[in-house]
Amino acid sequence: MVSLERRVMSFSRWTQYVKLHQPNVYLTRTAEDVCDSCVRINIQLARDDLPLEEREHLVLEKRMHLQAAIDQRRFMSRCVKEYIVANAPQQPVPNAIIPNTIDDAPLDPIDDAFPEI
């Protein structure tokens, strides 16, 4: 359900907007970037003959790996927010610069910080 308080922009309109205002920026099709460590762990976890101890070790490794990725995203978000505050104080600071996980990403294509679009 689309909120009536926010404007929503379609992807085709967004690409037109970017081409008009940022002619040097080239957009490509969206893609999901999958980490090679996650793929390796998922392939091993899919094996039926995997011993329980090894499976538990892989689950722990994946959990630690994902937590490290989330920590990196939080660090980068904090750095970007601090940079905006220091160098462009008139610019609104978005709530989420880089979502911690894909599940945290906003569903709407427009962020709350940019309602004028």
N, C-alpha and C. Protein backbone atom coordinates (compact mmCIF):
# COMPACT_ATOMS: atom_id res chain seq x y z
N MET A 1 0.84 -1.17 0.00
CA MET A 1 0.00 0.00 0.00
C MET A 1 0.89 1.24 0.00
N VAL A 2 0.58 2.19 -0.85
CA VAL A 2 1.36 3.41 -0.99
C VAL A 2 0.81 4.45 -0.03
N SER A 3 1.68 5.07 0.73
CA SER A 3 1.28 6.11 1.65
C SER A 3 0.87 7.36 0.88
N LEU A 4 -0.19 8.02 1.30
CA LEU A 4 -0.65 9.22 0.62
C LEU A 4 0.21 10.43 0.95
N GLU A 5 1.03 10.35 2.01
CA GLU A 5 1.87 11.47 2.40
C GLU A 5 3.17 11.52 1.61
N ARG A 6 3.46 10.50 0.82
CA ARG A 6 4.72 10.43 0.08
C ARG A 6 4.44 10.27 -1.40
N ARG A 7 5.29 10.90 -2.19
CA ARG A 7 5.20 10.68 -3.62
C ARG A 7 6.09 9.50 -3.97
N VAL A 8 5.62 8.67 -4.88
CA VAL A 8 6.38 7.51 -5.31
C VAL A 8 6.70 7.69 -6.78
N MET A 9 7.94 7.37 -7.13
CA MET A 9 8.39 7.54 -8.50
C MET A 9 8.67 6.17 -9.10
N SER A 10 8.19 5.94 -10.31
CA SER A 10 8.45 4.67 -10.98
C SER A 10 9.92 4.62 -11.41
N PHE A 11 10.40 3.42 -11.69
CA PHE A 11 11.80 3.27 -12.09
C PHE A 11 12.07 3.98 -13.41
N SER A 12 11.14 3.90 -14.36
CA SER A 12 11.36 4.56 -15.65
C SER A 12 11.39 6.08 -15.48
N ARG A 13 10.53 6.62 -14.62
CA ARG A 13 10.56 8.07 -14.36
C ARG A 13 11.87 8.44 -13.65
N TRP A 14 12.32 7.58 -12.73
CA TRP A 14 13.57 7.84 -12.02
C TRP A 14 14.75 7.92 -13.00
N THR A 15 14.80 7.00 -13.95
CA THR A 15 15.90 7.03 -14.92
C THR A 15 15.83 8.30 -15.77
N GLN A 16 14.63 8.73 -16.13
CA GLN A 16 14.50 10.00 -16.86
C GLN A 16 14.99 11.17 -16.02
N TYR A 17 14.64 11.16 -14.75
CA TYR A 17 15.05 12.22 -13.82
C TYR A 17 16.58 12.27 -13.71
N VAL A 18 17.19 11.11 -13.54
CA VAL A 18 18.65 11.07 -13.42
C VAL A 18 19.32 11.55 -14.70
N LYS A 19 18.82 11.10 -15.85
CA LYS A 19 19.41 11.51 -17.13
C LYS A 19 19.28 13.02 -17.35
N LEU A 20 18.17 13.60 -16.89
CA LEU A 20 17.97 15.04 -17.05
C LEU A 20 18.91 15.84 -16.15
N HIS A 21 19.00 15.46 -14.89
CA HIS A 21 19.76 16.24 -13.92
C HIS A 21 21.21 15.81 -13.76
N GLN A 22 21.52 14.60 -14.12
CA GLN A 22 22.90 14.09 -14.01
C GLN A 22 23.27 13.39 -15.31
N PRO A 23 23.52 14.14 -16.40
CA PRO A 23 23.75 13.49 -17.70
C PRO A 23 25.02 12.64 -17.75
N ASN A 24 25.95 12.83 -16.84
CA ASN A 24 27.19 12.04 -16.84
C ASN A 24 27.09 10.75 -16.04
N VAL A 25 25.96 10.53 -15.38
CA VAL A 25 25.76 9.32 -14.58
C VAL A 25 25.04 8.29 -15.45
N TYR A 26 25.60 7.10 -15.54
CA TYR A 26 25.00 6.03 -16.33
C TYR A 26 24.43 4.97 -15.40
N LEU A 27 23.17 4.65 -15.58
CA LEU A 27 22.50 3.65 -14.76
C LEU A 27 22.49 2.32 -15.49
N THR A 28 22.68 1.26 -14.74
CA THR A 28 22.60 -0.08 -15.30
C THR A 28 21.42 -0.79 -14.66
N ARG A 29 21.12 -1.95 -15.15
CA ARG A 29 20.04 -2.73 -14.56
C ARG A 29 20.42 -3.10 -13.12
N THR A 30 19.41 -3.21 -12.28
CA THR A 30 19.68 -3.57 -10.89
C THR A 30 20.14 -5.02 -10.83
N ALA A 31 21.01 -5.30 -9.89
CA ALA A 31 21.54 -6.64 -9.72
C ALA A 31 21.76 -6.89 -8.23
N GLU A 32 21.72 -8.14 -7.86
CA GLU A 32 21.98 -8.50 -6.47
C GLU A 32 23.43 -8.93 -6.35
N ASP A 33 24.14 -8.27 -5.48
CA ASP A 33 25.54 -8.59 -5.28
C ASP A 33 25.63 -9.62 -4.16
N VAL A 34 26.04 -10.82 -4.51
CA VAL A 34 26.11 -11.90 -3.53
C VAL A 34 27.58 -12.13 -3.17
N CYS A 35 27.83 -12.16 -1.90
CA CYS A 35 29.19 -12.35 -1.39
C CYS A 35 29.67 -13.78 -1.69
N ASP A 36 30.91 -13.90 -2.12
CA ASP A 36 31.43 -15.24 -2.44
C ASP A 36 31.55 -16.11 -1.20
N SER A 37 31.79 -15.51 -0.04
CA SER A 37 31.84 -16.30 1.20
C SER A 37 30.46 -16.87 1.53
N CYS A 38 29.43 -16.06 1.36
CA CYS A 38 28.06 -16.54 1.62
C CYS A 38 27.69 -17.66 0.66
N VAL A 39 28.05 -17.50 -0.60
CA VAL A 39 27.75 -18.53 -1.59
C VAL A 39 28.47 -19.82 -1.23
N ARG A 40 29.75 -19.73 -0.86
CA ARG A 40 30.52 -20.92 -0.49
C ARG A 40 29.88 -21.62 0.70
N ILE A 41 29.51 -20.86 1.72
CA ILE A 41 28.91 -21.45 2.92
C ILE A 41 27.56 -22.07 2.59
N ASN A 42 26.75 -21.38 1.79
CA ASN A 42 25.43 -21.91 1.42
C ASN A 42 25.54 -23.20 0.63
N ILE A 43 26.52 -23.28 -0.25
CA ILE A 43 26.73 -24.51 -1.03
C ILE A 43 27.10 -25.66 -0.10
N GLN A 44 27.99 -25.40 0.85
CA GLN A 44 28.38 -26.46 1.79
C GLN A 44 27.21 -26.85 2.69
N LEU A 45 26.42 -25.87 3.12
CA LEU A 45 25.28 -26.19 3.99
C LEU A 45 24.20 -26.97 3.25
N ALA A 46 24.15 -26.89 1.94
CA ALA A 46 23.15 -27.61 1.15
C ALA A 46 23.46 -29.09 1.03
N ARG A 47 24.68 -29.49 1.38
CA ARG A 47 25.05 -30.91 1.29
C ARG A 47 24.28 -31.72 2.33
N ASP A 48 23.79 -32.86 1.91
CA ASP A 48 23.04 -33.74 2.82
C ASP A 48 23.96 -34.55 3.73
N ASP A 49 25.17 -34.82 3.27
CA ASP A 49 26.08 -35.68 4.03
C ASP A 49 27.00 -34.89 4.97
N LEU A 50 26.67 -33.65 5.25
CA LEU A 50 27.50 -32.81 6.10
C LEU A 50 27.33 -33.21 7.57
N PRO A 51 28.43 -33.52 8.27
CA PRO A 51 28.32 -33.87 9.69
C PRO A 51 27.76 -32.70 10.51
N LEU A 52 27.08 -33.00 11.59
CA LEU A 52 26.43 -31.99 12.42
C LEU A 52 27.43 -30.97 12.95
N GLU A 53 28.60 -31.42 13.39
CA GLU A 53 29.61 -30.52 13.94
C GLU A 53 30.08 -29.51 12.88
N GLU A 54 30.29 -30.01 11.66
CA GLU A 54 30.73 -29.13 10.57
C GLU A 54 29.61 -28.15 10.20
N ARG A 55 28.37 -28.63 10.21
CA ARG A 55 27.22 -27.77 9.91
C ARG A 55 27.13 -26.64 10.93
N GLU A 56 27.28 -26.97 12.21
CA GLU A 56 27.23 -25.95 13.27
C GLU A 56 28.36 -24.94 13.09
N HIS A 57 29.55 -25.42 12.71
CA HIS A 57 30.68 -24.53 12.47
C HIS A 57 30.39 -23.58 11.31
N LEU A 58 29.79 -24.09 10.23
CA LEU A 58 29.46 -23.25 9.07
C LEU A 58 28.38 -22.22 9.41
N VAL A 59 27.39 -22.62 10.19
CA VAL A 59 26.34 -21.68 10.60
C VAL A 59 26.95 -20.56 11.43
N LEU A 60 27.84 -20.90 12.35
CA LEU A 60 28.52 -19.89 13.17
C LEU A 60 29.39 -18.98 12.30
N GLU A 61 30.11 -19.56 11.34
CA GLU A 61 30.95 -18.78 10.43
C GLU A 61 30.10 -17.79 9.63
N LYS A 62 28.96 -18.25 9.14
CA LYS A 62 28.09 -17.37 8.36
C LYS A 62 27.52 -16.25 9.23
N ARG A 63 27.12 -16.59 10.44
CA ARG A 63 26.59 -15.58 11.36
C ARG A 63 27.64 -14.51 11.65
N MET A 64 28.89 -14.93 11.91
CA MET A 64 29.97 -13.98 12.18
C MET A 64 30.26 -13.14 10.93
N HIS A 65 30.24 -13.77 9.77
CA HIS A 65 30.51 -13.08 8.51
C HIS A 65 29.44 -12.02 8.24
N LEU A 66 28.17 -12.37 8.45
CA LEU A 66 27.09 -11.42 8.23
C LEU A 66 27.16 -10.27 9.23
N GLN A 67 27.52 -10.57 10.48
CA GLN A 67 27.63 -9.52 11.49
C GLN A 67 28.76 -8.54 11.11
N ALA A 68 29.85 -9.07 10.57
CA ALA A 68 30.95 -8.19 10.13
C ALA A 68 30.49 -7.29 8.99
N ALA A 69 29.71 -7.82 8.07
CA ALA A 69 29.20 -7.02 6.96
C ALA A 69 28.25 -5.93 7.47
N ILE A 70 27.39 -6.27 8.42
CA ILE A 70 26.48 -5.29 9.00
C ILE A 70 27.26 -4.21 9.72
N ASP A 71 28.30 -4.58 10.45
CA ASP A 71 29.15 -3.60 11.14
C ASP A 71 29.81 -2.65 10.15
N GLN A 72 30.27 -3.17 9.01
CA GLN A 72 30.88 -2.32 7.98
C GLN A 72 29.86 -1.34 7.43
N ARG A 73 28.64 -1.81 7.18
CA ARG A 73 27.60 -0.92 6.66
C ARG A 73 27.26 0.17 7.66
N ARG A 74 27.17 -0.18 8.93
CA ARG A 74 26.89 0.83 9.97
C ARG A 74 28.01 1.86 10.03
N PHE A 75 29.25 1.41 9.94
CA PHE A 75 30.39 2.31 9.97
C PHE A 75 30.34 3.27 8.78
N MET A 76 30.09 2.75 7.57
CA MET A 76 30.03 3.59 6.39
C MET A 76 28.87 4.58 6.48
N SER A 77 27.72 4.15 6.97
CA SER A 77 26.58 5.05 7.14
C SER A 77 26.93 6.18 8.10
N ARG A 78 27.58 5.83 9.20
CA ARG A 78 27.96 6.85 10.17
C ARG A 78 28.94 7.85 9.56
N CYS A 79 29.91 7.34 8.77
CA CYS A 79 30.89 8.23 8.13
C CYS A 79 30.21 9.18 7.15
N VAL A 80 29.28 8.66 6.36
CA VAL A 80 28.57 9.51 5.39
C VAL A 80 27.74 10.56 6.11
N LYS A 81 27.03 10.16 7.17
CA LYS A 81 26.23 11.12 7.94
C LYS A 81 27.10 12.21 8.55
N GLU A 82 28.25 11.83 9.13
CA GLU A 82 29.16 12.81 9.71
C GLU A 82 29.71 13.75 8.64
N TYR A 83 29.98 13.22 7.45
CA TYR A 83 30.48 14.04 6.35
C TYR A 83 29.42 15.05 5.91
N ILE A 84 28.16 14.60 5.82
CA ILE A 84 27.08 15.51 5.43
C ILE A 84 26.94 16.63 6.45
N VAL A 85 26.94 16.28 7.73
CA VAL A 85 26.78 17.28 8.78
C VAL A 85 27.94 18.28 8.75
N ALA A 86 29.15 17.80 8.53
CA ALA A 86 30.32 18.67 8.54
C ALA A 86 30.44 19.54 7.29
N ASN A 87 30.08 19.00 6.13
CA ASN A 87 30.34 19.69 4.87
C ASN A 87 29.11 20.25 4.18
N ALA A 88 27.93 19.78 4.53
CA ALA A 88 26.70 20.28 3.92
C ALA A 88 25.60 20.33 4.98
N PRO A 89 25.75 21.22 5.98
CA PRO A 89 24.78 21.23 7.08
C PRO A 89 23.35 21.56 6.66
N GLN A 90 23.17 22.22 5.51
CA GLN A 90 21.83 22.55 5.04
C GLN A 90 21.13 21.34 4.41
N GLN A 91 21.88 20.31 4.08
CA GLN A 91 21.31 19.12 3.44
C GLN A 91 20.68 18.21 4.49
N PRO A 92 19.46 17.72 4.24
CA PRO A 92 18.86 16.78 5.21
C PRO A 92 19.62 15.46 5.21
N VAL A 93 19.77 14.89 6.38
CA VAL A 93 20.48 13.62 6.52
C VAL A 93 19.46 12.48 6.49
N PRO A 94 19.55 11.57 5.51
CA PRO A 94 18.60 10.45 5.44
C PRO A 94 18.73 9.54 6.66
N ASN A 95 17.64 8.86 6.99
CA ASN A 95 17.67 7.91 8.11
C ASN A 95 18.62 6.77 7.82
N ALA A 96 18.57 6.24 6.62
CA ALA A 96 19.41 5.10 6.26
C ALA A 96 20.25 5.46 5.04
N ILE A 97 21.55 5.44 5.20
CA ILE A 97 22.45 5.66 4.07
C ILE A 97 22.65 4.33 3.35
N ILE A 98 23.11 3.35 4.10
CA ILE A 98 23.28 1.99 3.60
C ILE A 98 22.51 1.08 4.56
N PRO A 99 21.49 0.38 4.10
CA PRO A 99 20.74 -0.50 5.00
C PRO A 99 21.66 -1.58 5.58
N ASN A 100 21.41 -1.97 6.83
CA ASN A 100 22.23 -3.01 7.46
C ASN A 100 22.12 -4.33 6.72
N THR A 101 20.94 -4.66 6.29
CA THR A 101 20.71 -5.87 5.48
C THR A 101 19.71 -5.52 4.40
N ILE A 102 19.56 -6.37 3.43
CA ILE A 102 18.60 -6.12 2.36
C ILE A 102 17.19 -6.09 2.92
N ASP A 103 16.94 -6.79 4.01
CA ASP A 103 15.62 -6.79 4.63
C ASP A 103 15.29 -5.44 5.24
N ASP A 104 16.33 -4.63 5.57
CA ASP A 104 16.12 -3.32 6.16
C ASP A 104 15.92 -2.24 5.11
N ALA A 105 16.13 -2.56 3.85
CA ALA A 105 16.03 -1.56 2.80
C ALA A 105 14.59 -1.07 2.67
N PRO A 106 14.40 0.23 2.49
CA PRO A 106 13.04 0.74 2.34
C PRO A 106 12.38 0.19 1.08
N LEU A 107 11.08 -0.10 1.17
CA LEU A 107 10.37 -0.64 0.03
C LEU A 107 10.05 0.44 -1.00
N ASP A 108 9.84 1.65 -0.52
CA ASP A 108 9.53 2.74 -1.42
C ASP A 108 10.81 3.24 -2.09
N PRO A 109 10.74 3.60 -3.37
CA PRO A 109 11.95 4.04 -4.06
C PRO A 109 12.44 5.41 -3.62
N ILE A 110 11.63 6.18 -2.94
CA ILE A 110 12.03 7.51 -2.49
C ILE A 110 12.21 7.47 -0.98
N ASP A 111 13.34 7.99 -0.52
CA ASP A 111 13.63 8.01 0.91
C ASP A 111 12.89 9.17 1.56
N ASP A 112 12.61 9.07 2.86
CA ASP A 112 11.92 10.12 3.59
C ASP A 112 12.63 11.45 3.54
N ALA A 113 13.93 11.43 3.40
CA ALA A 113 14.70 12.67 3.46
C ALA A 113 14.55 13.50 2.19
N PHE A 114 13.97 12.94 1.12
CA PHE A 114 13.86 13.66 -0.12
C PHE A 114 12.40 13.71 -0.61
N PRO A 115 11.50 14.30 0.17
CA PRO A 115 10.08 14.31 -0.21
C PRO A 115 9.77 15.24 -1.37
N GLU A 116 10.69 16.16 -1.69
CA GLU A 116 10.40 17.13 -2.74
C GLU A 116 10.47 16.54 -4.14
N ILE A 117 10.99 15.33 -4.29
CA ILE A 117 11.11 14.70 -5.61
C ILE A 117 9.75 14.19 -6.05
